[in-house]
């Protein structure tokens, strides 16, 4: 089964903390870390985690999420942008 690594960016650091806790409650290991230099963010903190299938990410979107990127070999592909 293919696993995908995701980088989630947030509007605020508080949103990142809440999201990390949400993933932990769902049994999904994650790590809060600085946003990679090639990506930008309002708060500078992202949450990184791995899922088995991309479709599962849709169930994990909250109002705190600004962008979701899927890590690829040498780059990141934006798969979600919060336009609200």
Protein backbone atom coordinates (compact mmCIF):
# COMPACT_ATOMS: atom_id res chain seq x y z
CA UNK A 1 0.00 0.00 0.00
CA UNK A 2 1.38 3.40 -1.00
CA UNK A 3 1.91 5.90 1.78
CA UNK A 4 1.83 9.64 1.25
CA UNK A 5 3.59 12.26 3.35
CA UNK A 6 1.62 15.48 3.90
CA UNK A 7 2.67 18.94 5.01
CA UNK A 8 -0.19 21.04 6.41
CA UNK A 9 0.15 24.82 6.84
CA UNK A 10 -2.02 26.96 9.09
CA UNK A 11 -3.23 30.51 9.58
CA UNK A 12 -1.94 30.52 13.19
CA UNK A 13 0.33 28.54 15.49
CA UNK A 14 -2.70 27.84 17.67
CA UNK A 15 -4.37 26.17 14.67
CA UNK A 16 -1.28 24.00 14.15
CA UNK A 17 -1.31 22.88 17.79
CA UNK A 18 -5.01 22.03 17.64
CA UNK A 19 -4.53 20.10 14.41
CA UNK A 20 -1.65 18.09 15.85
CA UNK A 21 -3.89 17.15 18.78
CA UNK A 22 -6.71 16.18 16.40
CA UNK A 23 -4.38 13.85 14.49
CA UNK A 24 -3.15 12.30 17.74
CA UNK A 25 -6.76 11.68 18.81
CA UNK A 26 -7.30 9.92 15.46
CA UNK A 27 -4.23 7.75 16.08
CA UNK A 28 -2.15 9.47 13.39
CA UNK A 29 1.45 10.15 14.34
CA UNK A 30 2.60 13.64 13.38
CA UNK A 31 5.34 16.17 13.91
CA UNK A 32 5.17 19.94 14.27
CA UNK A 33 8.09 21.59 12.55
CA UNK A 34 9.15 24.78 10.74
CA UNK A 35 7.61 25.24 7.29
CA UNK A 36 10.06 24.17 4.53
CA UNK A 37 11.73 27.20 2.92
CA UNK A 38 10.17 26.59 -0.50
CA UNK A 39 6.68 26.86 1.01
CA UNK A 40 5.28 29.95 2.68
CA UNK A 41 2.99 30.27 5.69
CA UNK A 42 1.50 32.97 7.85
CA UNK A 43 2.60 31.34 11.08
CA UNK A 44 5.83 29.50 10.14
CA UNK A 45 4.77 26.18 11.71
CA UNK A 46 3.50 23.13 9.86
CA UNK A 47 2.35 19.63 10.77
CA UNK A 48 3.82 16.69 8.89
CA UNK A 49 2.29 13.20 8.84
CA UNK A 50 1.88 10.08 6.68
CA UNK A 51 -1.36 8.47 5.46
CA UNK A 52 -1.98 5.33 3.43
CA UNK A 53 -4.38 6.92 0.94
CA UNK A 54 -4.83 10.49 -0.32
CA UNK A 55 -8.62 10.33 -0.02
CA UNK A 56 -8.29 10.12 3.75
CA UNK A 57 -6.98 13.69 3.91
CA UNK A 58 -10.42 15.11 3.08
CA UNK A 59 -11.73 13.80 6.40
CA UNK A 60 -8.99 15.68 8.25
CA UNK A 61 -9.58 19.22 6.96
CA UNK A 62 -10.51 21.86 9.53
CA UNK A 63 -11.09 25.62 9.35
CA UNK A 64 -7.55 26.13 10.73
CA UNK A 65 -5.92 24.51 7.68
CA UNK A 66 -4.57 27.03 5.16
CA UNK A 67 -2.81 24.67 2.69
CA UNK A 68 -2.14 20.95 2.33
CA UNK A 69 0.86 19.73 0.31
CA UNK A 70 1.78 16.18 -0.64
CA UNK A 71 5.53 15.58 -0.52
CA UNK A 72 6.90 14.19 -3.76
CA UNK A 73 10.45 13.13 -4.66
CA UNK A 74 12.00 16.58 -4.94
CA UNK A 75 9.06 18.91 -4.46
CA UNK A 76 5.67 19.51 -2.90
CA UNK A 77 2.32 19.45 -4.68
CA UNK A 78 -0.47 21.61 -3.29
CA UNK A 79 -3.63 19.49 -3.00
CA UNK A 80 -5.80 21.82 -0.91
CA UNK A 81 -6.12 25.56 -0.39
CA UNK A 82 -8.58 27.14 2.05
CA UNK A 83 -10.22 29.95 0.09
CA UNK A 84 -12.54 31.12 2.90
